[in-house]
Each structure stands twice: as structure tokens, then as C-alpha cells.
PDB file of all heavy atoms in Angstrom:
ATOM      1  N   VAL A   1     138.492  51.680  -7.152  1.00  0.00           N
ATOM      2  CA  VAL A   1     139.205  50.746  -8.036  1.00  0.00           C
ATOM      3  C   VAL A   1     140.574  50.438  -7.509  1.00  0.00           C
ATOM      4  O   VAL A   1     141.034  49.260  -7.506  1.00  0.00           O
ATOM      5  CB  VAL A   1     139.250  51.278  -9.468  1.00  0.00           C
ATOM      6  CG1 VAL A   1     140.131  50.456 -10.345  1.00  0.00           C
ATOM      7  CG2 VAL A   1     137.880  51.349 -10.093  1.00  0.00           C
ATOM      8  N   SER A   2     141.293  51.440  -6.993  1.00  0.00           N
ATOM      9  CA  SER A   2     142.654  51.246  -6.519  1.00  0.00           C
ATOM     10  C   SER A   2     142.691  50.378  -5.258  1.00  0.00           C
ATOM     11  O   SER A   2     143.685  49.731  -4.972  1.00  0.00           O
ATOM     12  CB  SER A   2     143.342  52.591  -6.274  1.00  0.00           C
ATOM     13  OG  SER A   2     142.600  53.258  -5.274  1.00  0.00           O
ATOM     14  N   ILE A   3     141.569  50.313  -4.495  1.00  0.00           N
ATOM     15  CA  ILE A   3     141.587  49.496  -3.322  1.00  0.00           C
ATOM     16  C   ILE A   3     141.050  48.078  -3.609  1.00  0.00           C
ATOM     17  O   ILE A   3     141.584  47.074  -3.175  1.00  0.00           O
ATOM     18  CB  ILE A   3     140.712  50.150  -2.201  1.00  0.00           C
ATOM     19  CG1 ILE A   3     141.369  51.474  -1.766  1.00  0.00           C
ATOM     20  CG2 ILE A   3     140.500  49.228  -1.028  1.00  0.00           C
ATOM     21  CD1 ILE A   3     140.494  52.278  -0.787  1.00  0.00           C
ATOM     22  N   VAL A   4     139.924  48.017  -4.305  1.00  0.00           N
ATOM     23  CA  VAL A   4     139.278  46.696  -4.568  1.00  0.00           C
ATOM     24  C   VAL A   4     140.060  45.853  -5.535  1.00  0.00           C
ATOM     25  O   VAL A   4     140.211  44.639  -5.292  1.00  0.00           O
ATOM     26  CB  VAL A   4     137.814  46.920  -5.078  1.00  0.00           C
ATOM     27  CG1 VAL A   4     137.180  45.604  -5.457  1.00  0.00           C
ATOM     28  CG2 VAL A   4     136.999  47.659  -4.046  1.00  0.00           C
ATOM     29  N   LEU A   5     140.583  46.438  -6.533  1.00  0.00           N
ATOM     30  CA  LEU A   5     141.287  45.626  -7.545  1.00  0.00           C
ATOM     31  C   LEU A   5     142.458  44.823  -7.012  1.00  0.00           C
ATOM     32  O   LEU A   5     142.554  43.642  -7.280  1.00  0.00           O
ATOM     33  CB  LEU A   5     141.708  46.521  -8.729  1.00  0.00           C
ATOM     34  CG  LEU A   5     142.316  45.850  -9.915  1.00  0.00           C
ATOM     35  CD1 LEU A   5     141.308  44.835 -10.521  1.00  0.00           C
ATOM     36  CD2 LEU A   5     142.744  46.855 -10.977  1.00  0.00           C
ATOM     37  N   PRO A   6     143.380  45.405  -6.195  1.00  0.00           N
ATOM     38  CA  PRO A   6     144.455  44.548  -5.621  1.00  0.00           C
ATOM     39  C   PRO A   6     143.984  43.443  -4.742  1.00  0.00           C
ATOM     40  O   PRO A   6     144.520  42.345  -4.761  1.00  0.00           O
ATOM     41  CB  PRO A   6     145.279  45.612  -4.860  1.00  0.00           C
ATOM     42  CG  PRO A   6     145.014  46.909  -5.449  1.00  0.00           C
ATOM     43  CD  PRO A   6     143.560  46.831  -5.832  1.00  0.00           C
ATOM     44  N   ILE A   7     142.881  43.676  -3.972  1.00  0.00           N
ATOM     45  CA  ILE A   7     142.337  42.634  -3.112  1.00  0.00           C
ATOM     46  C   ILE A   7     141.824  41.480  -3.938  1.00  0.00           C
ATOM     47  O   ILE A   7     142.092  40.300  -3.644  1.00  0.00           O
ATOM     48  CB  ILE A   7     141.234  43.201  -2.184  1.00  0.00           C
ATOM     49  CG1 ILE A   7     141.807  44.257  -1.225  1.00  0.00           C
ATOM     50  CG2 ILE A   7     140.540  42.119  -1.431  1.00  0.00           C
ATOM     51  CD1 ILE A   7     140.772  44.975  -0.401  1.00  0.00           C
ATOM     52  N   VAL A   8     141.073  41.780  -4.960  1.00  0.00           N
ATOM     53  CA  VAL A   8     140.539  40.719  -5.855  1.00  0.00           C
ATOM     54  C   VAL A   8     141.665  39.962  -6.488  1.00  0.00           C
ATOM     55  O   VAL A   8     141.618  38.708  -6.536  1.00  0.00           O
ATOM     56  CB  VAL A   8     139.576  41.327  -6.924  1.00  0.00           C
ATOM     57  CG1 VAL A   8     139.147  40.295  -7.905  1.00  0.00           C
ATOM     58  CG2 VAL A   8     138.369  41.960  -6.222  1.00  0.00           C
ATOM     59  N   LEU A   9     142.668  40.639  -6.969  1.00  0.00           N
ATOM     60  CA  LEU A   9     143.762  39.947  -7.574  1.00  0.00           C
ATOM     61  C   LEU A   9     144.532  39.066  -6.553  1.00  0.00           C
ATOM     62  O   LEU A   9     144.919  37.931  -6.937  1.00  0.00           O
ATOM     63  CB  LEU A   9     144.746  40.966  -8.192  1.00  0.00           C
ATOM     64  CG  LEU A   9     144.243  41.708  -9.412  1.00  0.00           C
ATOM     65  CD1 LEU A   9     145.233  42.746  -9.887  1.00  0.00           C
ATOM     66  CD2 LEU A   9     143.941  40.768 -10.586  1.00  0.00           C
ATOM     67  N   SER A  10     144.692  39.530  -5.384  1.00  0.00           N
ATOM     68  CA  SER A  10     145.361  38.736  -4.352  1.00  0.00           C
ATOM     69  C   SER A  10     144.610  37.420  -4.026  1.00  0.00           C
ATOM     70  O   SER A  10     145.203  36.328  -3.896  1.00  0.00           O
ATOM     71  CB  SER A  10     145.574  39.514  -3.101  1.00  0.00           C
ATOM     72  OG  SER A  10     146.345  40.709  -3.340  1.00  0.00           O
ATOM     73  N   VAL A  11     143.269  37.537  -3.886  1.00  0.00           N
ATOM     74  CA  VAL A  11     142.482  36.351  -3.606  1.00  0.00           C
ATOM     75  C   VAL A  11     142.534  35.387  -4.711  1.00  0.00           C
ATOM     76  O   VAL A  11     142.646  34.172  -4.500  1.00  0.00           O
ATOM     77  CB  VAL A  11     141.010  36.836  -3.300  1.00  0.00           C
ATOM     78  CG1 VAL A  11     140.075  35.604  -3.236  1.00  0.00           C
ATOM     79  CG2 VAL A  11     140.908  37.611  -2.022  1.00  0.00           C
ATOM     80  N   CYS A  12     142.510  35.831  -5.923  1.00  0.00           N
ATOM     81  CA  CYS A  12     142.563  34.962  -7.107  1.00  0.00           C
ATOM     82  C   CYS A  12     143.874  34.226  -7.129  1.00  0.00           C
ATOM     83  O   CYS A  12     143.943  33.056  -7.454  1.00  0.00           O
ATOM     84  CB  CYS A  12     142.354  35.771  -8.388  1.00  0.00           C
ATOM     85  SG  CYS A  12     140.634  36.388  -8.563  1.00  0.00           S
ATOM     86  N   ILE A  13     144.970  34.945  -6.865  1.00  0.00           N
ATOM     87  CA  ILE A  13     146.294  34.309  -6.889  1.00  0.00           C
ATOM     88  C   ILE A  13     146.409  33.256  -5.790  1.00  0.00           C
ATOM     89  O   ILE A  13     146.939  32.142  -5.980  1.00  0.00           O
ATOM     90  CB  ILE A  13     147.442  35.365  -6.706  1.00  0.00           C
ATOM     91  CG1 ILE A  13     147.416  36.299  -7.968  1.00  0.00           C
ATOM     92  CG2 ILE A  13     148.751  34.728  -6.535  1.00  0.00           C
ATOM     93  CD1 ILE A  13     148.327  37.479  -7.833  1.00  0.00           C
ATOM     94  N   PHE A  14     145.884  33.527  -4.574  1.00  0.00           N
ATOM     95  CA  PHE A  14     145.927  32.600  -3.479  1.00  0.00           C
ATOM     96  C   PHE A  14     145.165  31.315  -3.822  1.00  0.00           C
ATOM     97  O   PHE A  14     145.610  30.193  -3.584  1.00  0.00           O
ATOM     98  CB  PHE A  14     145.355  33.254  -2.204  1.00  0.00           C
ATOM     99  CG  PHE A  14     145.233  32.286  -1.034  1.00  0.00           C
ATOM    100  CD1 PHE A  14     146.368  31.889  -0.313  1.00  0.00           C
ATOM    101  CD2 PHE A  14     144.005  31.754  -0.689  1.00  0.00           C
ATOM    102  CE1 PHE A  14     146.232  31.012   0.764  1.00  0.00           C
ATOM    103  CE2 PHE A  14     143.887  30.840   0.353  1.00  0.00           C
ATOM    104  CZ  PHE A  14     145.020  30.490   1.079  1.00  0.00           C
ATOM    105  N   LEU A  15     143.940  31.467  -4.350  1.00  0.00           N
ATOM    106  CA  LEU A  15     143.126  30.287  -4.710  1.00  0.00           C
ATOM    107  C   LEU A  15     143.837  29.516  -5.836  1.00  0.00           C
ATOM    108  O   LEU A  15     143.767  28.253  -5.827  1.00  0.00           O
ATOM    109  CB  LEU A  15     141.715  30.751  -5.141  1.00  0.00           C
ATOM    110  CG  LEU A  15     140.855  31.332  -4.044  1.00  0.00           C
ATOM    111  CD1 LEU A  15     139.536  31.830  -4.631  1.00  0.00           C
ATOM    112  CD2 LEU A  15     140.629  30.325  -2.952  1.00  0.00           C
ATOM    113  N   SER A  16     144.439  30.148  -6.732  1.00  0.00           N
ATOM    114  CA  SER A  16     145.148  29.440  -7.814  1.00  0.00           C
ATOM    115  C   SER A  16     146.272  28.583  -7.244  1.00  0.00           C
ATOM    116  O   SER A  16     146.465  27.426  -7.599  1.00  0.00           O
ATOM    117  CB  SER A  16     145.646  30.464  -8.845  1.00  0.00           C
ATOM    118  OG  SER A  16     144.599  31.140  -9.429  1.00  0.00           O
ATOM    119  N   CYS A  17     147.053  29.188  -6.305  1.00  0.00           N
ATOM    120  CA  CYS A  17     148.174  28.420  -5.722  1.00  0.00           C
ATOM    121  C   CYS A  17     147.643  27.184  -4.919  1.00  0.00           C
ATOM    122  O   CYS A  17     148.231  26.126  -4.942  1.00  0.00           O
ATOM    123  CB  CYS A  17     149.021  29.333  -4.900  1.00  0.00           C
ATOM    124  SG  CYS A  17     149.846  30.664  -5.765  1.00  0.00           S
ATOM    125  N   TYR A  18     146.595  27.430  -4.159  1.00  0.00           N
ATOM    126  CA  TYR A  18     146.031  26.311  -3.330  1.00  0.00           C
ATOM    127  C   TYR A  18     145.542  25.187  -4.235  1.00  0.00           C
ATOM    128  O   TYR A  18     145.862  24.000  -3.937  1.00  0.00           O
ATOM    129  CB  TYR A  18     144.880  26.875  -2.472  1.00  0.00           C
ATOM    130  CG  TYR A  18     144.123  25.791  -1.751  1.00  0.00           C
ATOM    131  CD1 TYR A  18     144.643  25.229  -0.600  1.00  0.00           C
ATOM    132  CD2 TYR A  18     142.898  25.352  -2.215  1.00  0.00           C
ATOM    133  CE1 TYR A  18     143.994  24.215   0.074  1.00  0.00           C
ATOM    134  CE2 TYR A  18     142.219  24.345  -1.519  1.00  0.00           C
ATOM    135  CZ  TYR A  18     142.689  23.805  -0.396  1.00  0.00           C
ATOM    136  OH  TYR A  18     142.052  22.796   0.305  1.00  0.00           O
ATOM    137  N   CYS A  19     144.807  25.485  -5.248  1.00  0.00           N
ATOM    138  CA  CYS A  19     144.271  24.449  -6.152  1.00  0.00           C
ATOM    139  C   CYS A  19     145.423  23.723  -6.885  1.00  0.00           C
ATOM    140  O   CYS A  19     145.367  22.527  -7.106  1.00  0.00           O
ATOM    141  CB  CYS A  19     143.312  25.068  -7.143  1.00  0.00           C
ATOM    142  SG  CYS A  19     141.773  25.700  -6.407  1.00  0.00           S
ATOM    143  N   PHE A  20     146.454  24.470  -7.223  1.00  0.00           N
ATOM    144  CA  PHE A  20     147.564  23.846  -7.930  1.00  0.00           C
ATOM    145  C   PHE A  20     148.305  22.864  -7.033  1.00  0.00           C
ATOM    146  O   PHE A  20     148.644  21.745  -7.461  1.00  0.00           O
ATOM    147  CB  PHE A  20     148.503  24.928  -8.408  1.00  0.00           C
ATOM    148  CG  PHE A  20     149.675  24.388  -9.172  1.00  0.00           C
ATOM    149  CD1 PHE A  20     149.542  24.062 -10.532  1.00  0.00           C
ATOM    150  CD2 PHE A  20     150.937  24.185  -8.576  1.00  0.00           C
ATOM    151  CE1 PHE A  20     150.598  23.532 -11.234  1.00  0.00           C
ATOM    152  CE2 PHE A  20     151.948  23.665  -9.299  1.00  0.00           C
ATOM    153  CZ  PHE A  20     151.815  23.373 -10.618  1.00  0.00           C
ATOM    154  N   ARG A  21     148.485  23.214  -5.758  1.00  0.00           N
ATOM    155  CA  ARG A  21     149.249  22.321  -4.872  1.00  0.00           C
ATOM    156  C   ARG A  21     148.357  21.060  -4.535  1.00  0.00           C
ATOM    157  O   ARG A  21     148.873  19.974  -4.438  1.00  0.00           O
ATOM    158  CB  ARG A  21     149.602  23.049  -3.572  1.00  0.00           C
ATOM    159  CG  ARG A  21     150.685  24.096  -3.755  1.00  0.00           C
ATOM    160  CD  ARG A  21     150.956  24.812  -2.434  1.00  0.00           C
ATOM    161  NE  ARG A  21     151.362  23.852  -1.379  1.00  0.00           N
ATOM    162  CZ  ARG A  21     152.676  23.484  -1.188  1.00  0.00           C
ATOM    163  NH1 ARG A  21     153.643  23.935  -2.003  1.00  0.00           N
ATOM    164  NH2 ARG A  21     152.931  22.622  -0.229  1.00  0.00           N
ATOM    165  N   ARG A  22     147.061  21.245  -4.393  1.00  0.00           N
ATOM    166  CA  ARG A  22     146.229  20.138  -4.025  1.00  0.00           C
ATOM    167  C   ARG A  22     146.086  19.152  -5.185  1.00  0.00           C
ATOM    168  O   ARG A  22     146.070  17.949  -4.937  1.00  0.00           O
ATOM    169  CB  ARG A  22     144.868  20.645  -3.582  1.00  0.00           C
ATOM    170  CG  ARG A  22     143.921  19.569  -3.155  1.00  0.00           C
ATOM    171  CD  ARG A  22     142.653  20.124  -2.537  1.00  0.00           C
ATOM    172  NE  ARG A  22     141.772  19.058  -2.045  1.00  0.00           N
ATOM    173  CZ  ARG A  22     140.610  19.282  -1.430  1.00  0.00           C
ATOM    174  NH1 ARG A  22     140.230  20.557  -1.193  1.00  0.00           N
ATOM    175  NH2 ARG A  22     139.874  18.271  -1.041  1.00  0.00           N
ATOM    176  N   TYR A  23     145.968  19.620  -6.364  1.00  0.00           N
ATOM    177  CA  TYR A  23     145.735  18.769  -7.501  1.00  0.00           C
ATOM    178  C   TYR A  23     146.960  18.708  -8.419  1.00  0.00           C
ATOM    179  O   TYR A  23     146.818  18.564  -9.634  1.00  0.00           O
ATOM    180  CB  TYR A  23     144.501  19.256  -8.259  1.00  0.00           C
ATOM    181  CG  TYR A  23     143.258  19.254  -7.477  1.00  0.00           C
ATOM    182  CD1 TYR A  23     142.741  20.458  -6.991  1.00  0.00           C
ATOM    183  CD2 TYR A  23     142.565  18.072  -7.182  1.00  0.00           C
ATOM    184  CE1 TYR A  23     141.593  20.465  -6.219  1.00  0.00           C
ATOM    185  CE2 TYR A  23     141.385  18.110  -6.436  1.00  0.00           C
ATOM    186  CZ  TYR A  23     140.886  19.280  -5.940  1.00  0.00           C
ATOM    187  OH  TYR A  23     139.746  19.308  -5.198  1.00  0.00           O
ATOM    188  N   SER A  24     148.119  18.864  -7.835  1.00  0.00           N
ATOM    189  CA  SER A  24     149.308  18.877  -8.669  1.00  0.00           C
ATOM    190  C   SER A  24     149.569  17.528  -9.307  1.00  0.00           C
ATOM    191  O   SER A  24     150.077  17.427 -10.410  1.00  0.00           O
ATOM    192  CB  SER A  24     150.545  19.267  -7.794  1.00  0.00           C
ATOM    193  OG  SER A  24     150.710  18.317  -6.731  1.00  0.00           O
ATOM    194  N   SER A  25     149.197  16.379  -8.590  1.00  0.00           N
ATOM    195  CA  SER A  25     149.409  15.070  -9.191  1.00  0.00           C
ATOM    196  C   SER A  25     148.518  14.874 -10.417  1.00  0.00           C
ATOM    197  O   SER A  25     148.879  14.103 -11.346  1.00  0.00           O
ATOM    198  CB  SER A  25     149.110  13.975  -8.151  1.00  0.00           C
ATOM    199  OG  SER A  25     147.750  14.095  -7.716  1.00  0.00           O
ATOM    200  N   ILE A  26     147.399  15.553 -10.482  1.00  0.00           N
ATOM    201  CA  ILE A  26     146.505  15.411 -11.652  1.00  0.00           C
ATOM    202  C   ILE A  26     146.907  16.434 -12.748  1.00  0.00           C
ATOM    203  O   ILE A  26     146.974  16.125 -13.911  1.00  0.00           O
ATOM    204  CB  ILE A  26     145.036  15.704 -11.216  1.00  0.00           C
ATOM    205  CG1 ILE A  26     144.571  14.610 -10.220  1.00  0.00           C
ATOM    206  CG2 ILE A  26     144.112  15.646 -12.426  1.00  0.00           C
ATOM    207  CD1 ILE A  26     143.232  14.844  -9.637  1.00  0.00           C
ATOM    208  N   ILE A  27     147.222  17.622 -12.282  1.00  0.00           N
ATOM    209  CA  ILE A  27     147.541  18.645 -13.218  1.00  0.00           C
ATOM    210  C   ILE A  27     148.928  18.364 -13.851  1.00  0.00           C
ATOM    211  O   ILE A  27     149.073  18.484 -15.122  1.00  0.00           O
ATOM    212  CB  ILE A  27     147.563  20.050 -12.542  1.00  0.00           C
ATOM    213  CG1 ILE A  27     146.165  20.366 -12.004  1.00  0.00           C
ATOM    214  CG2 ILE A  27     148.010  21.121 -13.492  1.00  0.00           C
ATOM    215  CD1 ILE A  27     146.134  21.649 -11.169  1.00  0.00           C
TER     216      ILE A  27
END
């Protein structure tokens, strides 16, 4: 849990930032 959980959280944060920048004009 201590290894997998930070990795999953990091990937989720990266995807969120990417989607926000790409669709910022819509969002």
C-alpha cells in the first residue's frame, strides 16, 4: 500500500493537470 498508493496518486494528478491545460478554454 505504501508503494502503490503514491504512484497511483501521482499518475492521477499528472493526468488531471494535462487535461486541464488542454481543455482550459472549455473548462
